[in-house]
Amino acid sequence: MSDRVFSAEEKAKLTQLINEGITVMQEVDDLNEGLSDTVKAIAEEMQIKPTVLKKAMRTAYDGDSHLAFPGDHGDVVRV
């Protein structure tokens, strides 16, 4: 560990950063939990595996605008 001594101003900045970071991380956790609940509900309603919906969201987020889902008769449905 470093022997550096922080000034009162530096300590205040670090404390503020850590507190804001904790708040943001909690908000992200809450949003992820809500999204997971929504995915599960829609997956159940549409009889799609939640992992398929999650993968579709991840693919869309990563920039692939051509999403495909398995259809009722083994065909592929593009969205």
N, C-alpha and C. Protein backbone atom coordinates (compact mmCIF):
# COMPACT_ATOMS: atom_id res chain seq x y z
N MET A 1 0.83 -1.18 0.00
CA MET A 1 0.00 0.00 0.00
C MET A 1 0.88 1.24 0.00
N SER A 2 0.36 2.27 -0.62
CA SER A 2 1.12 3.51 -0.76
C SER A 2 1.18 4.26 0.57
N ASP A 3 2.26 5.00 0.75
CA ASP A 3 2.42 5.83 1.95
C ASP A 3 1.91 7.24 1.72
N ARG A 4 1.19 7.45 0.65
CA ARG A 4 0.71 8.77 0.31
C ARG A 4 -0.31 9.24 1.34
N VAL A 5 -0.21 10.50 1.67
CA VAL A 5 -1.15 11.13 2.59
C VAL A 5 -2.02 12.07 1.77
N PHE A 6 -3.33 11.89 1.88
CA PHE A 6 -4.26 12.72 1.11
C PHE A 6 -4.67 13.94 1.92
N SER A 7 -4.86 15.04 1.20
CA SER A 7 -5.33 16.26 1.85
C SER A 7 -6.82 16.11 2.15
N ALA A 8 -7.34 17.04 2.94
CA ALA A 8 -8.76 17.00 3.28
C ALA A 8 -9.61 17.14 2.01
N GLU A 9 -9.18 17.97 1.10
CA GLU A 9 -9.91 18.17 -0.16
C GLU A 9 -9.90 16.87 -1.00
N GLU A 10 -8.75 16.22 -1.06
CA GLU A 10 -8.66 14.96 -1.80
C GLU A 10 -9.53 13.87 -1.16
N LYS A 11 -9.52 13.82 0.16
CA LYS A 11 -10.35 12.85 0.87
C LYS A 11 -11.83 13.09 0.59
N ALA A 12 -12.22 14.36 0.55
CA ALA A 12 -13.61 14.71 0.27
C ALA A 12 -13.99 14.29 -1.15
N LYS A 13 -13.08 14.52 -2.12
CA LYS A 13 -13.34 14.10 -3.50
C LYS A 13 -13.49 12.59 -3.59
N LEU A 14 -12.59 11.87 -2.93
CA LEU A 14 -12.66 10.41 -2.96
C LEU A 14 -13.93 9.89 -2.29
N THR A 15 -14.30 10.49 -1.18
CA THR A 15 -15.53 10.09 -0.48
C THR A 15 -16.74 10.34 -1.37
N GLN A 16 -16.79 11.50 -2.02
CA GLN A 16 -17.90 11.83 -2.91
C GLN A 16 -17.95 10.84 -4.07
N LEU A 17 -16.80 10.55 -4.67
CA LEU A 17 -16.75 9.61 -5.78
C LEU A 17 -17.26 8.23 -5.36
N ILE A 18 -16.81 7.76 -4.23
CA ILE A 18 -17.22 6.44 -3.75
C ILE A 18 -18.72 6.42 -3.45
N ASN A 19 -19.22 7.44 -2.80
CA ASN A 19 -20.66 7.50 -2.50
C ASN A 19 -21.50 7.55 -3.77
N GLU A 20 -21.09 8.37 -4.73
CA GLU A 20 -21.82 8.44 -5.99
C GLU A 20 -21.71 7.13 -6.76
N GLY A 21 -20.55 6.51 -6.70
CA GLY A 21 -20.36 5.21 -7.35
C GLY A 21 -21.27 4.15 -6.76
N ILE A 22 -21.39 4.13 -5.45
CA ILE A 22 -22.29 3.18 -4.78
C ILE A 22 -23.73 3.40 -5.23
N THR A 23 -24.14 4.66 -5.30
CA THR A 23 -25.50 4.99 -5.73
C THR A 23 -25.75 4.52 -7.16
N VAL A 24 -24.82 4.80 -8.05
CA VAL A 24 -24.97 4.39 -9.45
C VAL A 24 -25.01 2.87 -9.56
N MET A 25 -24.14 2.19 -8.84
CA MET A 25 -24.11 0.72 -8.90
C MET A 25 -25.42 0.13 -8.38
N GLN A 26 -26.00 0.72 -7.35
CA GLN A 26 -27.28 0.24 -6.83
C GLN A 26 -28.39 0.46 -7.85
N GLU A 27 -28.36 1.63 -8.51
CA GLU A 27 -29.35 1.92 -9.55
C GLU A 27 -29.24 0.92 -10.69
N VAL A 28 -28.02 0.59 -11.10
CA VAL A 28 -27.80 -0.39 -12.17
C VAL A 28 -28.34 -1.75 -11.74
N ASP A 29 -28.05 -2.16 -10.51
CA ASP A 29 -28.58 -3.43 -10.00
C ASP A 29 -30.10 -3.45 -10.03
N ASP A 30 -30.72 -2.36 -9.60
CA ASP A 30 -32.18 -2.27 -9.59
C ASP A 30 -32.74 -2.35 -11.01
N LEU A 31 -32.12 -1.64 -11.94
CA LEU A 31 -32.57 -1.67 -13.33
C LEU A 31 -32.41 -3.06 -13.93
N ASN A 32 -31.29 -3.71 -13.66
CA ASN A 32 -31.07 -5.07 -14.17
C ASN A 32 -32.10 -6.04 -13.61
N GLU A 33 -32.43 -5.89 -12.35
CA GLU A 33 -33.43 -6.76 -11.73
C GLU A 33 -34.79 -6.55 -12.38
N GLY A 34 -35.15 -5.30 -12.60
CA GLY A 34 -36.42 -4.99 -13.25
C GLY A 34 -36.47 -5.51 -14.68
N LEU A 35 -35.37 -5.36 -15.40
CA LEU A 35 -35.30 -5.87 -16.77
C LEU A 35 -35.42 -7.38 -16.79
N SER A 36 -34.76 -8.04 -15.87
CA SER A 36 -34.83 -9.49 -15.78
C SER A 36 -36.26 -9.96 -15.51
N ASP A 37 -36.95 -9.28 -14.62
CA ASP A 37 -38.35 -9.62 -14.33
C ASP A 37 -39.22 -9.43 -15.57
N THR A 38 -38.99 -8.34 -16.30
CA THR A 38 -39.75 -8.07 -17.51
C THR A 38 -39.48 -9.12 -18.58
N VAL A 39 -38.22 -9.47 -18.76
CA VAL A 39 -37.86 -10.49 -19.74
C VAL A 39 -38.53 -11.81 -19.41
N LYS A 40 -38.49 -12.19 -18.14
CA LYS A 40 -39.12 -13.45 -17.73
C LYS A 40 -40.62 -13.44 -18.01
N ALA A 41 -41.28 -12.34 -17.70
CA ALA A 41 -42.73 -12.24 -17.90
C ALA A 41 -43.09 -12.31 -19.39
N ILE A 42 -42.36 -11.57 -20.22
CA ILE A 42 -42.66 -11.57 -21.65
C ILE A 42 -42.29 -12.92 -22.27
N ALA A 43 -41.20 -13.50 -21.82
CA ALA A 43 -40.80 -14.81 -22.34
C ALA A 43 -41.87 -15.85 -22.03
N GLU A 44 -42.39 -15.81 -20.83
CA GLU A 44 -43.45 -16.76 -20.46
C GLU A 44 -44.70 -16.51 -21.29
N GLU A 45 -45.07 -15.25 -21.42
CA GLU A 45 -46.27 -14.89 -22.18
C GLU A 45 -46.16 -15.32 -23.65
N MET A 46 -44.96 -15.16 -24.22
CA MET A 46 -44.77 -15.45 -25.64
C MET A 46 -44.20 -16.85 -25.88
N GLN A 47 -44.02 -17.59 -24.81
CA GLN A 47 -43.46 -18.95 -24.88
C GLN A 47 -42.11 -18.97 -25.60
N ILE A 48 -41.25 -18.08 -25.15
CA ILE A 48 -39.88 -17.98 -25.65
C ILE A 48 -38.97 -18.13 -24.44
N LYS A 49 -37.85 -18.77 -24.62
CA LYS A 49 -36.90 -18.89 -23.52
C LYS A 49 -36.34 -17.52 -23.18
N PRO A 50 -36.25 -17.19 -21.90
CA PRO A 50 -35.67 -15.90 -21.51
C PRO A 50 -34.27 -15.68 -22.07
N THR A 51 -33.50 -16.75 -22.17
CA THR A 51 -32.13 -16.61 -22.70
C THR A 51 -32.14 -16.14 -24.15
N VAL A 52 -33.17 -16.53 -24.91
CA VAL A 52 -33.26 -16.08 -26.30
C VAL A 52 -33.51 -14.57 -26.34
N LEU A 53 -34.41 -14.10 -25.49
CA LEU A 53 -34.68 -12.66 -25.45
C LEU A 53 -33.46 -11.88 -24.96
N LYS A 54 -32.79 -12.40 -23.96
CA LYS A 54 -31.59 -11.72 -23.45
C LYS A 54 -30.52 -11.65 -24.52
N LYS A 55 -30.35 -12.75 -25.26
CA LYS A 55 -29.35 -12.76 -26.33
C LYS A 55 -29.74 -11.77 -27.42
N ALA A 56 -31.03 -11.69 -27.74
CA ALA A 56 -31.48 -10.73 -28.75
C ALA A 56 -31.18 -9.30 -28.31
N MET A 57 -31.43 -9.01 -27.04
CA MET A 57 -31.14 -7.67 -26.53
C MET A 57 -29.64 -7.39 -26.59
N ARG A 58 -28.85 -8.37 -26.20
CA ARG A 58 -27.39 -8.19 -26.21
C ARG A 58 -26.90 -7.98 -27.64
N THR A 59 -27.44 -8.75 -28.57
CA THR A 59 -27.05 -8.62 -29.97
C THR A 59 -27.42 -7.24 -30.50
N ALA A 60 -28.63 -6.79 -30.19
CA ALA A 60 -29.06 -5.46 -30.63
C ALA A 60 -28.19 -4.38 -30.00
N TYR A 61 -27.89 -4.55 -28.74
CA TYR A 61 -27.06 -3.57 -28.03
C TYR A 61 -25.66 -3.50 -28.65
N ASP A 62 -25.16 -4.65 -29.06
CA ASP A 62 -23.82 -4.71 -29.65
C ASP A 62 -23.78 -4.22 -31.09
N GLY A 63 -24.97 -3.87 -31.66
CA GLY A 63 -24.98 -3.23 -32.96
C GLY A 63 -25.50 -4.06 -34.11
N ASP A 64 -25.95 -5.26 -33.90
CA ASP A 64 -26.50 -6.06 -34.99
C ASP A 64 -27.99 -5.78 -35.09
N SER A 65 -28.39 -5.09 -36.16
CA SER A 65 -29.79 -4.70 -36.28
C SER A 65 -30.65 -5.79 -36.91
N HIS A 66 -30.08 -6.93 -37.25
CA HIS A 66 -30.83 -8.02 -37.87
C HIS A 66 -31.01 -9.14 -36.86
N LEU A 67 -32.08 -9.05 -36.08
CA LEU A 67 -32.35 -10.04 -35.05
C LEU A 67 -33.20 -11.16 -35.63
N ALA A 68 -32.94 -12.39 -35.22
CA ALA A 68 -33.71 -13.52 -35.70
C ALA A 68 -34.16 -14.38 -34.53
N PHE A 69 -35.39 -14.87 -34.62
CA PHE A 69 -35.96 -15.75 -33.61
C PHE A 69 -36.48 -17.00 -34.29
N PRO A 70 -36.42 -18.13 -33.60
CA PRO A 70 -37.03 -19.32 -34.18
C PRO A 70 -38.55 -19.16 -34.23
N GLY A 71 -39.16 -19.50 -35.36
CA GLY A 71 -40.60 -19.39 -35.52
C GLY A 71 -41.31 -20.64 -35.04
N ASP A 72 -42.63 -20.65 -35.19
CA ASP A 72 -43.47 -21.76 -34.73
C ASP A 72 -43.16 -23.07 -35.45
N HIS A 73 -42.74 -22.98 -36.70
CA HIS A 73 -42.57 -24.19 -37.50
C HIS A 73 -41.10 -24.42 -37.83
N GLY A 74 -40.22 -23.98 -36.97
CA GLY A 74 -38.79 -24.18 -37.18
C GLY A 74 -38.17 -23.17 -38.11
N ASP A 75 -38.99 -22.24 -38.64
CA ASP A 75 -38.47 -21.21 -39.51
C ASP A 75 -37.83 -20.11 -38.67
N VAL A 76 -37.22 -19.18 -39.32
CA VAL A 76 -36.57 -18.07 -38.62
C VAL A 76 -37.36 -16.80 -38.86
N VAL A 77 -37.71 -16.11 -37.79
CA VAL A 77 -38.44 -14.86 -37.89
C VAL A 77 -37.48 -13.72 -37.63
N ARG A 78 -37.39 -12.81 -38.59
CA ARG A 78 -36.49 -11.64 -38.44
C ARG A 78 -37.30 -10.48 -37.88
N VAL A 79 -36.67 -9.74 -37.01
CA VAL A 79 -37.32 -8.58 -36.40
C VAL A 79 -36.59 -7.33 -36.81
